[in-house]
C-alpha cells in the first residue's frame, strides 16, 4: 500500500500513528521516505480489517527490480 492509500483510509496521520502505535513524527518520516516498510504495511492491513493490502513493492527500502 502507498502512503496515500493509508491516508485515504485512516483520514489523518494521527490515526495512522495510532494504528501503528507510533508517534506522528514517525508517520511523517515514513511519508518523507516514500511510504511504509512491509512490516508496517502488514500492521495497517490488519488494523484496517483487510481494506488495505500490504505490498512488498511499495516498501521504500526494497531495491528496485532490474528488468532484462
C-alpha atoms as a PDB file:
ATOM      1  CA  UNK A   1       0.000   0.000   0.000  1.00  0.00           C
ATOM      2  CA  UNK A   2       1.099   3.532  -0.607  1.00  0.00           C
ATOM      3  CA  UNK A   3       1.126   6.274   1.982  1.00  0.00           C
ATOM      4  CA  UNK A   4      -1.758   7.983   0.194  1.00  0.00           C
ATOM      5  CA  UNK A   5      -3.863   4.807   0.269  1.00  0.00           C
ATOM      6  CA  UNK A   6      -3.332   4.540   4.026  1.00  0.00           C
ATOM      7  CA  UNK A   7      -4.119   8.226   4.487  1.00  0.00           C
ATOM      8  CA  UNK A   8      -7.313   7.897   2.449  1.00  0.00           C
ATOM      9  CA  UNK A   9      -8.455   5.006   4.656  1.00  0.00           C
ATOM     10  CA  UNK A  10      -7.421   6.331   8.070  1.00  0.00           C
ATOM     11  CA  UNK A  11      -8.067  10.017   7.132  1.00  0.00           C
ATOM     12  CA  UNK A  12      -5.291  11.521   9.286  1.00  0.00           C
ATOM     13  CA  UNK A  13      -1.643  10.908  10.004  1.00  0.00           C
ATOM     14  CA  UNK A  14      -2.506  10.760  13.678  1.00  0.00           C
ATOM     15  CA  UNK A  15      -4.947   7.888  13.058  1.00  0.00           C
ATOM     16  CA  UNK A  16      -2.235   6.056  11.116  1.00  0.00           C
ATOM     17  CA  UNK A  17       0.138   6.604  14.035  1.00  0.00           C
ATOM     18  CA  UNK A  18      -2.453   5.302  16.477  1.00  0.00           C
ATOM     19  CA  UNK A  19      -2.960   2.164  14.369  1.00  0.00           C
ATOM     20  CA  UNK A  20       0.807   1.595  14.185  1.00  0.00           C
ATOM     21  CA  UNK A  21       1.348   2.690  17.801  1.00  0.00           C
ATOM     22  CA  UNK A  22       3.993   5.201  16.720  1.00  0.00           C
ATOM     23  CA  UNK A  23       4.324   8.974  17.026  1.00  0.00           C
ATOM     24  CA  UNK A  24       3.094  11.467  14.480  1.00  0.00           C
ATOM     25  CA  UNK A  25       6.692  12.379  13.703  1.00  0.00           C
ATOM     26  CA  UNK A  26       7.414   8.742  12.810  1.00  0.00           C
ATOM     27  CA  UNK A  27       4.456   8.782  10.401  1.00  0.00           C
ATOM     28  CA  UNK A  28       5.912  11.965   8.853  1.00  0.00           C
ATOM     29  CA  UNK A  29       9.278  10.223   8.480  1.00  0.00           C
ATOM     30  CA  UNK A  30       7.569   7.379   6.642  1.00  0.00           C
ATOM     31  CA  UNK A  31       5.907   9.836   4.291  1.00  0.00           C
ATOM     32  CA  UNK A  32       9.223  11.561   3.595  1.00  0.00           C
ATOM     33  CA  UNK A  33      10.896   8.184   2.990  1.00  0.00           C
ATOM     34  CA  UNK A  34       8.316   7.287   0.362  1.00  0.00           C
ATOM     35  CA  UNK A  35       5.986   5.027   2.315  1.00  0.00           C
ATOM     36  CA  UNK A  36       5.768   2.336   4.936  1.00  0.00           C
ATOM     37  CA  UNK A  37       8.032  -0.663   5.442  1.00  0.00           C
ATOM     38  CA  UNK A  38       6.466  -4.012   4.652  1.00  0.00           C
ATOM     39  CA  UNK A  39       6.052  -4.930   8.362  1.00  0.00           C
ATOM     40  CA  UNK A  40       4.294  -1.605   8.994  1.00  0.00           C
ATOM     41  CA  UNK A  41       2.055  -2.246   5.997  1.00  0.00           C
ATOM     42  CA  UNK A  42       1.137  -5.628   7.481  1.00  0.00           C
ATOM     43  CA  UNK A  43       0.044  -3.933  10.719  1.00  0.00           C
ATOM     44  CA  UNK A  44      -2.037  -1.411   8.759  1.00  0.00           C
ATOM     45  CA  UNK A  45      -3.610  -4.237   6.743  1.00  0.00           C
ATOM     46  CA  UNK A  46      -4.634  -5.965   9.966  1.00  0.00           C
ATOM     47  CA  UNK A  47      -5.837  -2.738  11.603  1.00  0.00           C
ATOM     48  CA  UNK A  48      -7.912  -1.884   8.518  1.00  0.00           C
ATOM     49  CA  UNK A  49      -9.509  -5.365   8.545  1.00  0.00           C
ATOM     50  CA  UNK A  50      -8.123  -6.048   5.087  1.00  0.00           C
ATOM     51  CA  UNK A  51      -9.310  -2.821   3.445  1.00  0.00           C
ATOM     52  CA  UNK A  52      -5.640  -2.007   2.843  1.00  0.00           C
ATOM     53  CA  UNK A  53      -3.307  -4.645   1.419  1.00  0.00           C
ATOM     54  CA  UNK A  54       0.410  -4.870   2.194  1.00  0.00           C
ATOM     55  CA  UNK A  55       2.622  -4.981  -0.889  1.00  0.00           C
ATOM     56  CA  UNK A  56       6.378  -5.534  -0.810  1.00  0.00           C
ATOM     57  CA  UNK A  57       6.755  -3.466  -3.983  1.00  0.00           C
ATOM     58  CA  UNK A  58       5.509  -0.390  -2.078  1.00  0.00           C
ATOM     59  CA  UNK A  59       8.232  -0.751   0.585  1.00  0.00           C
ATOM     60  CA  UNK A  60      10.660   2.150   0.013  1.00  0.00           C
ATOM     61  CA  UNK A  61      13.539   0.113   1.435  1.00  0.00           C
ATOM     62  CA  UNK A  62      13.217  -2.627  -1.204  1.00  0.00           C
ATOM     63  CA  UNK A  63      15.770  -2.394  -4.011  1.00  0.00           C
ATOM     64  CA  UNK A  64      14.401  -1.613  -7.448  1.00  0.00           C
ATOM     65  CA  UNK A  65      13.989  -4.679  -9.627  1.00  0.00           C
ATOM     66  CA  UNK A  66      16.183  -4.854 -12.703  1.00  0.00           C
ATOM     67  CA  UNK A  67      14.337  -5.659 -15.897  1.00  0.00           C
ATOM     68  CA  UNK A  68      16.152  -7.580 -18.600  1.00  0.00           C
END
